[in-house]
Protein backbone atom coordinates (compact mmCIF):
# COMPACT_ATOMS: atom_id res chain seq x y z
CA MET A 1 43.70 76.01 111.28
CA GLY A 2 46.10 72.83 111.20
CA LYS A 3 45.41 69.35 112.30
CA SER A 4 46.72 68.38 115.83
CA SER A 5 48.04 65.02 116.60
CA SER A 6 45.66 62.20 117.87
CA LYS A 7 48.01 61.96 120.89
CA SER A 8 47.22 65.59 121.92
CA ARG A 9 43.71 64.93 121.95
CA LYS A 10 43.25 61.43 123.13
CA PRO A 11 42.71 61.15 126.91
CA ARG A 12 44.67 59.12 128.77
CA PHE A 13 42.15 56.28 129.84
CA GLU A 14 40.23 54.36 127.35
CA LYS A 15 36.46 54.94 127.42
CA GLU A 16 34.74 52.12 129.11
CA ILE A 17 31.31 50.65 128.08
CA VAL A 18 28.94 50.85 130.89
CA PHE A 19 25.67 49.93 129.30
CA LYS A 20 26.02 47.84 126.14
CA SER A 21 23.15 47.47 123.56
CA LYS A 22 22.23 44.57 121.74
CA LYS A 23 19.07 43.13 119.91
CA GLY A 24 16.09 43.43 121.95
CA GLU A 25 17.87 45.75 124.54
CA VAL A 26 18.76 49.11 124.22
CA PHE A 27 20.09 51.62 126.66
CA LYS A 28 19.76 55.46 126.35
CA ILE A 29 19.55 58.58 128.50
CA PRO A 30 22.67 58.56 130.80
CA ALA A 31 22.71 60.19 134.31
CA ILE A 32 25.92 60.16 136.37
CA TYR A 33 26.96 61.28 139.89
CA TYR A 34 30.20 61.09 141.88
CA ASN A 35 29.97 60.58 145.68
CA ASP A 36 33.42 61.67 147.05
CA ASN A 37 32.69 60.23 150.55
CA ASP A 38 32.53 56.66 148.95
CA LYS A 39 34.71 57.53 145.94
CA THR A 40 32.26 55.96 143.81
CA LEU A 41 30.15 56.65 140.44
CA PHE A 42 26.73 56.35 140.14
CA ALA A 43 25.67 55.50 136.56
CA PHE A 44 21.96 55.52 135.58
CA ALA A 45 20.30 54.77 131.87
CA GLU A 46 16.85 53.74 130.49
CA LYS A 47 16.71 50.50 129.21
CA ARG A 48 14.40 49.75 126.35
CA THR A 49 13.28 46.93 123.76
CA SER A 50 13.98 49.27 121.25
CA GLN A 51 14.95 52.87 120.36
CA GLU A 52 11.42 54.09 120.71
CA ASP A 53 10.43 55.95 124.00
CA SER A 54 7.55 53.75 124.11
CA ASP A 55 9.50 50.67 124.95
CA VAL A 56 11.60 51.60 127.94
CA VAL A 57 10.94 48.72 130.40
CA ALA A 58 13.20 49.70 133.22
CA LEU A 59 15.96 52.24 134.81
CA VAL A 60 19.14 50.74 135.65
CA MET A 61 22.35 51.45 137.74
CA ARG A 62 25.80 50.56 137.97
CA LYS A 63 28.52 51.77 140.75
CA GLY A 64 31.77 52.42 139.61
CA LYS A 65 34.38 52.53 142.46
CA VAL A 66 37.19 55.05 141.87
CA ASN A 67 40.77 54.28 143.04
CA ARG A 68 43.51 56.93 143.42
CA LYS A 69 44.99 56.70 139.95
CA SER A 70 41.09 57.74 138.70
CA GLU A 71 40.57 54.18 137.29
CA VAL A 72 37.18 52.78 137.68
CA LYS A 73 35.87 49.30 138.36
CA TRP A 74 32.45 48.81 137.77
CA SER A 75 29.76 46.92 139.36
CA LYS A 76 27.05 44.54 137.50
CA PRO A 77 24.02 46.37 136.32
CA LYS A 78 20.72 46.26 138.27
CA GLU A 79 17.29 47.16 137.36
CA ILE A 80 16.02 49.65 140.20
CA VAL A 81 12.69 50.91 138.59
CA LYS A 82 10.49 49.14 136.54
CA ASN A 83 7.53 49.65 134.28
CA CYS A 84 4.16 48.35 135.03
CA ASP A 85 1.22 46.86 133.40
CA CYS A 86 -1.02 49.62 133.64
CA GLY A 87 1.07 51.38 130.75
CA TYR A 88 3.22 53.75 132.68
CA ARG A 89 7.13 53.74 132.09
CA PRO A 90 10.07 55.13 133.97
CA MET A 91 11.99 57.68 131.86
CA ASN A 92 14.61 60.64 132.21
CA PRO A 93 16.69 59.67 135.15
CA CYS A 94 17.87 62.54 137.06
CA VAL A 95 20.12 62.05 140.23
CA VAL A 96 20.46 64.53 142.94
CA TYR A 97 22.43 64.13 146.31
CA GLU A 98 21.43 65.64 149.52
CA LYS A 99 24.19 66.29 151.92
CA HIS A 100 22.69 66.71 155.12
CA THR A 101 20.80 63.39 155.29
CA GLN A 102 23.37 61.99 153.06
CA THR A 103 20.46 60.52 150.49
CA LEU A 104 20.90 59.87 146.86
CA PHE A 105 17.67 60.76 145.03
CA LEU A 106 16.75 59.45 141.60
CA PHE A 107 13.86 61.39 139.98
CA PHE A 108 12.21 60.21 137.01
CA ILE A 109 8.83 60.57 135.24
CA TYR A 110 6.33 57.91 135.02
CA VAL A 111 4.74 58.44 131.89
CA ASN A 112 1.92 56.83 129.84
CA LYS A 113 1.66 57.86 125.85
CA THR A 114 4.32 59.45 123.96
CA GLU A 115 5.05 63.21 124.29
CA LEU A 116 3.72 63.82 121.06
CA TRP A 117 0.26 62.50 121.95
CA GLN A 118 0.09 64.52 124.87
CA ILE A 119 0.90 67.56 122.94
CA GLU A 120 -1.76 66.96 120.30
CA HIS A 121 -4.37 66.30 122.89
CA HIS A 122 -3.18 68.59 125.70
CA LYS A 123 -3.38 65.68 128.37
CA ASN A 124 -0.43 65.60 130.61
CA LYS A 125 0.12 61.67 131.05
CA ALA A 126 3.41 62.31 133.05
CA ARG A 127 3.85 62.24 136.54
CA LEU A 128 6.99 62.98 138.94
CA ARG A 129 8.19 60.70 140.89
CA TYR A 130 11.72 59.61 142.82
CA ILE A 131 13.14 57.11 144.77
CA SER A 132 16.04 57.39 147.41
CA LYS A 133 18.83 55.45 149.17
CA LYS A 134 20.96 56.47 152.29
CA LYS A 135 24.36 55.03 152.91
CA LYS A 136 23.39 52.57 155.34
CA ASP A 137 20.34 51.36 153.03
CA LYS A 138 20.79 48.00 151.14
CA LYS A 139 17.97 48.81 148.77
CA TRP A 140 16.39 51.79 147.21
CA SER A 141 13.27 52.95 148.78
CA LYS A 142 9.68 52.53 147.30
CA PHE A 143 8.84 55.50 145.01
CA THR A 144 7.49 58.79 146.24
CA GLU A 145 4.75 60.63 144.27
CA VAL A 146 5.28 64.43 143.89
CA THR A 147 2.79 65.12 141.24
CA ASN A 148 -0.07 65.47 143.25
CA LEU A 149 1.58 68.01 145.60
CA LEU A 150 1.72 70.84 143.17
CA PRO A 151 -1.69 71.85 141.13
CA VAL A 152 0.76 73.44 138.47
CA PHE A 153 0.70 70.14 136.37
CA LYS A 154 -2.65 70.70 135.48
CA ASN A 155 -1.41 73.66 133.34
CA TRP A 156 0.93 71.82 131.04
CA SER A 157 0.47 69.37 127.92
CA THR A 158 3.05 67.49 129.04
CA PHE A 159 6.73 67.95 131.13
CA ALA A 160 9.66 65.97 131.76
CA ILE A 161 12.71 66.57 133.97
CA GLY A 162 16.55 66.55 133.28
CA PRO A 163 17.72 64.49 131.85
CA GLY A 164 20.87 64.08 133.88
CA HIS A 165 21.66 65.33 137.24
CA GLY A 166 20.23 67.72 139.60
CA ILE A 167 22.29 70.00 142.39
CA GLN A 168 21.90 71.03 145.82
CA THR A 169 23.49 74.10 146.25
CA LYS A 170 25.68 75.66 149.22
CA SER A 171 22.78 76.83 151.25
CA GLY A 172 21.18 73.37 150.90
CA ARG A 173 18.42 74.05 148.30
CA MET A 174 17.74 70.98 145.80
CA ILE A 175 17.30 72.02 142.35
CA VAL A 176 15.90 69.39 139.63
CA PRO A 177 16.09 70.64 136.19
CA ALA A 178 12.85 70.48 134.01
CA TYR A 179 10.69 71.59 131.03
CA ALA A 180 7.28 71.79 130.17
CA PHE A 181 4.67 72.22 127.13
CA THR A 182 2.23 74.97 127.63
CA LYS A 183 -1.48 74.14 126.87
CA ASP A 184 -1.47 76.76 123.92
CA LYS A 185 -2.95 76.21 120.42
CA GLU A 186 0.31 75.55 119.69
CA PRO A 187 2.28 74.21 122.69
CA THR A 188 5.89 75.53 123.18
CA PRO A 189 8.51 74.11 125.71
CA HIS A 190 9.93 76.11 128.30
CA ALA A 191 12.76 75.41 131.02
CA PHE A 192 12.34 75.65 134.70
CA CYS A 193 13.07 73.53 137.65
CA PHE A 194 11.71 72.00 140.84
CA TYR A 195 13.21 73.03 144.07
CA SER A 196 13.33 72.07 147.80
CA ASP A 197 14.68 73.85 150.71
CA ASP A 198 14.06 71.09 153.32
CA CYS A 199 16.05 68.15 152.12
CA GLY A 200 13.40 66.96 149.70
CA LYS A 201 10.20 67.04 151.88
CA THR A 202 8.29 69.36 149.99
CA TRP A 203 8.79 70.56 146.48
CA GLU A 204 8.16 73.96 144.59
CA CYS A 205 8.58 75.23 140.74
CA GLU A 206 10.73 77.85 140.06
CA GLU A 207 9.15 80.26 136.99
CA MET A 208 9.61 79.19 133.52
CA LEU A 209 12.18 80.75 130.97
CA PRO A 210 10.40 82.99 128.47
CA GLU A 211 12.59 81.72 125.47
CA THR A 212 11.67 78.64 123.66
CA SER A 213 13.96 75.69 125.75
CA MET A 214 13.59 72.33 126.50
CA GLU A 215 16.12 69.78 128.25
CA CYS A 216 18.31 71.42 130.45
CA GLU A 217 20.96 71.47 133.29
CA MET A 218 22.06 73.78 136.10
CA THR A 219 25.07 74.27 138.29
CA GLU A 220 25.82 76.83 141.10
CA ILE A 221 28.65 79.72 140.43
CA PHE A 222 29.27 82.78 142.64
CA ASP A 223 29.48 86.27 141.23
CA GLY A 224 32.40 88.96 142.39
CA ASN A 225 30.54 89.37 145.63
CA ARG A 226 30.14 85.83 146.26
CA ASP A 227 26.35 86.02 146.05
CA ARG A 228 24.79 82.41 144.64
CA LEU A 229 23.92 82.43 140.91
CA ILE A 230 22.64 79.43 139.31
CA TYR A 231 23.83 79.06 135.63
CA CYS A 232 21.55 77.12 133.24
CA SER A 233 22.18 75.47 129.65
CA ALA A 234 19.16 74.75 127.95
CA ARG A 235 18.45 72.63 124.60
CA ASN A 236 16.86 74.97 121.69
CA LEU A 237 15.47 73.85 118.59
CA GLY A 238 18.48 74.84 116.60
CA GLY A 239 20.65 77.80 116.32
CA GLN A 240 22.35 78.65 119.63
CA ARG A 241 21.90 77.18 123.07
CA VAL A 242 20.00 79.17 125.74
CA GLN A 243 21.91 80.20 128.30
CA ALA A 244 20.37 81.76 131.64
CA THR A 245 20.92 82.54 135.35
CA ILE A 246 18.49 82.24 138.46
CA ASP A 247 18.97 84.90 141.26
CA GLN A 248 16.83 86.02 144.06
CA THR A 249 14.51 87.69 141.53
CA GLY A 250 14.07 84.62 139.15
CA PHE A 251 15.21 83.86 135.55
CA HIS A 252 17.34 85.92 133.47
CA THR A 253 18.15 85.05 129.60
CA LEU A 254 22.05 85.83 128.78
CA THR A 255 23.83 87.06 125.87
CA THR A 256 27.43 85.65 126.55
CA ILE A 257 30.52 86.69 124.95
CA SER A 258 30.67 83.31 123.05
CA PRO A 259 27.47 81.65 122.52
CA LEU A 260 27.23 77.87 122.34
CA GLU A 261 26.02 76.56 118.79
CA GLU A 262 23.04 74.08 118.79
CA VAL A 263 22.92 71.18 116.54
CA GLN A 264 19.89 71.05 113.92
CA LYS A 265 16.41 70.25 116.00
CA GLY A 266 18.78 70.56 119.08
CA CYS A 267 20.27 68.08 121.53
CA GLN A 268 20.41 67.46 125.26
CA GLY A 269 23.98 68.79 126.89
CA SER A 270 25.49 68.49 130.38
CA VAL A 271 26.91 71.60 132.46
CA ILE A 272 28.85 71.37 135.65
CA SER A 273 30.84 73.81 137.70
CA PHE A 274 34.15 72.69 139.45
CA PRO A 275 36.59 74.70 141.53
CA ALA A 276 39.18 77.06 139.66
CA GLN A 277 42.19 74.92 138.95
CA THR A 278 44.58 78.04 139.76
CA GLY A 279 46.32 76.61 142.85
CA ASP A 280 45.94 79.91 144.28
CA ALA A 281 43.81 80.12 147.68
CA LYS A 282 42.54 83.56 146.72
CA THR A 283 40.41 81.89 143.66
CA SER A 284 39.79 78.67 145.74
CA GLN A 285 35.93 79.45 145.88
CA GLU A 286 35.89 80.51 142.44
CA LYS A 287 33.87 78.15 140.07
CA TRP A 288 34.47 77.60 136.34
CA LEU A 289 32.25 75.53 134.12
CA LEU A 290 32.49 72.36 131.88
CA PHE A 291 30.04 71.90 129.13
CA SER A 292 29.50 68.52 126.96
CA HIS A 293 27.31 68.49 123.78
CA PRO A 294 27.78 67.12 120.17
CA THR A 295 29.67 69.28 117.92
CA LYS A 296 28.45 68.09 114.65
CA GLN A 297 25.52 66.58 112.54
CA LYS A 298 25.46 64.67 109.56
CA SER A 299 21.68 64.51 109.19
CA ILE A 300 18.74 65.75 111.59
CA TRP A 301 18.95 63.11 113.82
CA GLU A 302 22.57 62.05 113.55
CA ARG A 303 24.79 63.60 115.62
CA LEU A 304 28.45 63.40 115.76
CA ASP A 305 31.99 64.04 117.88
CA LEU A 306 30.88 64.82 121.46
CA GLY A 307 32.94 67.59 122.90
CA VAL A 308 33.49 69.39 126.09
CA TYR A 309 33.62 73.09 126.41
CA LEU A 310 35.87 75.04 128.99
CA SER A 311 34.74 78.46 130.53
CA THR A 312 37.29 79.92 133.19
CA SER A 313 35.72 83.40 132.84
CA PRO A 314 35.04 84.74 136.25
CA VAL A 315 31.78 86.26 136.78
CA THR A 316 32.12 89.58 138.40
CA SER A 317 28.10 90.33 138.75
CA VAL A 318 24.82 89.51 137.66
CA ALA A 319 24.87 92.28 135.35
CA GLU A 320 28.55 91.45 133.92
CA PHE A 321 28.00 87.66 133.13
CA ASN A 322 30.96 87.42 130.84
CA VAL A 323 31.31 84.01 130.17
CA GLU A 324 33.43 83.20 127.39
CA TRP A 325 33.52 79.41 126.11
CA SER A 326 36.50 77.68 124.48
CA LYS A 327 36.69 75.55 121.60
CA PRO A 328 35.57 72.05 121.95
CA TRP A 329 37.77 69.20 122.90
CA VAL A 330 36.26 66.25 121.19
CA ILE A 331 36.16 63.28 123.55
CA ASN A 332 33.97 61.11 121.48
CA LYS A 333 34.89 60.81 117.83
CA GLY A 334 31.87 59.54 115.72
CA PRO A 335 28.26 59.17 116.31
CA SER A 336 27.19 60.80 119.65
CA GLY A 337 24.21 61.73 121.61
CA TYR A 338 22.93 62.73 125.23
CA SER A 339 25.73 63.02 127.83
CA ASP A 340 26.18 63.70 131.46
CA LEU A 341 28.97 65.05 133.63
CA THR A 342 30.35 65.17 136.90
CA TYR A 343 33.48 66.19 138.94
CA ILE A 344 35.23 63.57 140.50
CA GLU A 345 37.88 65.88 142.29
CA ASP A 346 41.44 66.97 142.28
CA GLY A 347 40.93 68.04 138.62
CA TRP A 348 39.37 64.89 137.22
CA PHE A 349 35.91 64.40 135.34
CA ALA A 350 33.80 61.49 133.96
CA CYS A 351 31.34 61.71 131.20
CA LEU A 352 28.74 59.22 130.73
CA MET A 353 27.66 59.30 127.13
CA GLU A 354 25.75 57.74 124.40
CA CYS A 355 28.12 56.46 121.65
CA GLY A 356 28.93 53.92 119.13
CA GLU A 357 30.34 52.74 115.94
CA LYS A 358 27.39 53.01 113.88
CA SER A 359 24.84 54.58 116.08
CA PRO A 360 24.71 56.47 119.54
CA THR A 361 22.52 53.83 120.85
CA ASP A 362 25.32 51.29 120.46
CA ASP A 363 26.69 51.86 124.04
CA ILE A 364 26.63 54.21 127.13
CA ALA A 365 30.23 54.60 127.80
CA CYS A 366 32.09 56.26 130.56
CA GLN A 367 35.13 58.51 129.68
CA VAL A 368 37.42 59.73 132.52
CA PHE A 369 39.70 62.73 131.85
CA SER A 370 41.49 65.51 133.71
CA TYR A 371 41.44 69.15 133.67
CA ASP A 372 45.05 69.24 131.97
CA GLU A 373 43.91 66.81 129.21
CA VAL A 374 40.97 69.20 128.62
CA LEU A 375 43.59 72.29 128.05
CA LYS A 376 45.63 70.01 125.90
CA GLY A 377 42.67 68.89 123.78
CA ILE A 378 41.35 72.58 123.64
CA ALA A 379 45.13 73.64 122.51
CA GLY A 380 45.06 71.04 119.77
CA PHE A 381 42.07 72.25 118.60
CA GLN A 382 43.23 75.75 118.08
CA THR A 383 46.70 74.70 116.55
């Protein structure tokens, strides 16, 4: 396989730093959402005093106004959720938009102790909360507690959501991706989701994936009969990503035509669906998939070269989930970490990602790119 020119693989827009880390102030765990009514990107991240999970002090947000050329003008960052003196800290931002009430939800876990401590002691110290904001609201709401509404929380050693984004399906169901560690002698993680069918007033739990699986994201596609189908991509502990679907009968693990390789020890990845870019009215309802994930690894925790993978495979039925993934187009060379994708419209995308010259915790940057650039980038990989 020969080398392609950098010109064919480089996005037209330079990536833009949204959250810049410095000594005593580290930003991690990106989440992004695009509101097509306001032509605005909402970018979220954790603010920490160090790289350690125990040092999260706030969740921060910036808004990015998108013009007709898909250029973004960012507002100043704001702290929207803070930790408290009792030791609980906000983590894992996961953003979901409810279209009927035009409400933006930011879910997060409010957690005490580390994940490892909770697993070792079988004591769940994580709580599920959200804040929300309607278009007319100047400020975010006070937090709403979901934990006490669901007795299933008592069955886990610990749990987390996302991170990244949730979705609202065409039917109106809100979905927040999640995973939990069981209370077995050797706790194992399993992906699942929280869902609401009443615009976020009440929440239920979907059944868990039977396979070992962690951080996940989900998106809606349609099969050949135009039946709703939820596709799930979940982190594994190495080997291959766990891919699954959710339909009316529950979770189903997939064996796809081309598996997605996982880096050693695994890493979070992002997946979205978007309208088929054929220009044909007959396929206007068809959904294609885009997935982002580090493509290389230098050491156990040193992940490199964030890439985007494309799938244009039509889903003919639940039984014939023939997803085939392209080779990756690398949109960030060098240290890379967590990422989150969103579809801007008109064939444009944005990816919010951990990246940097020396470490993926140097920056959280936003890369805007088009579907045509994805095609050229994939072609460059294959030449």
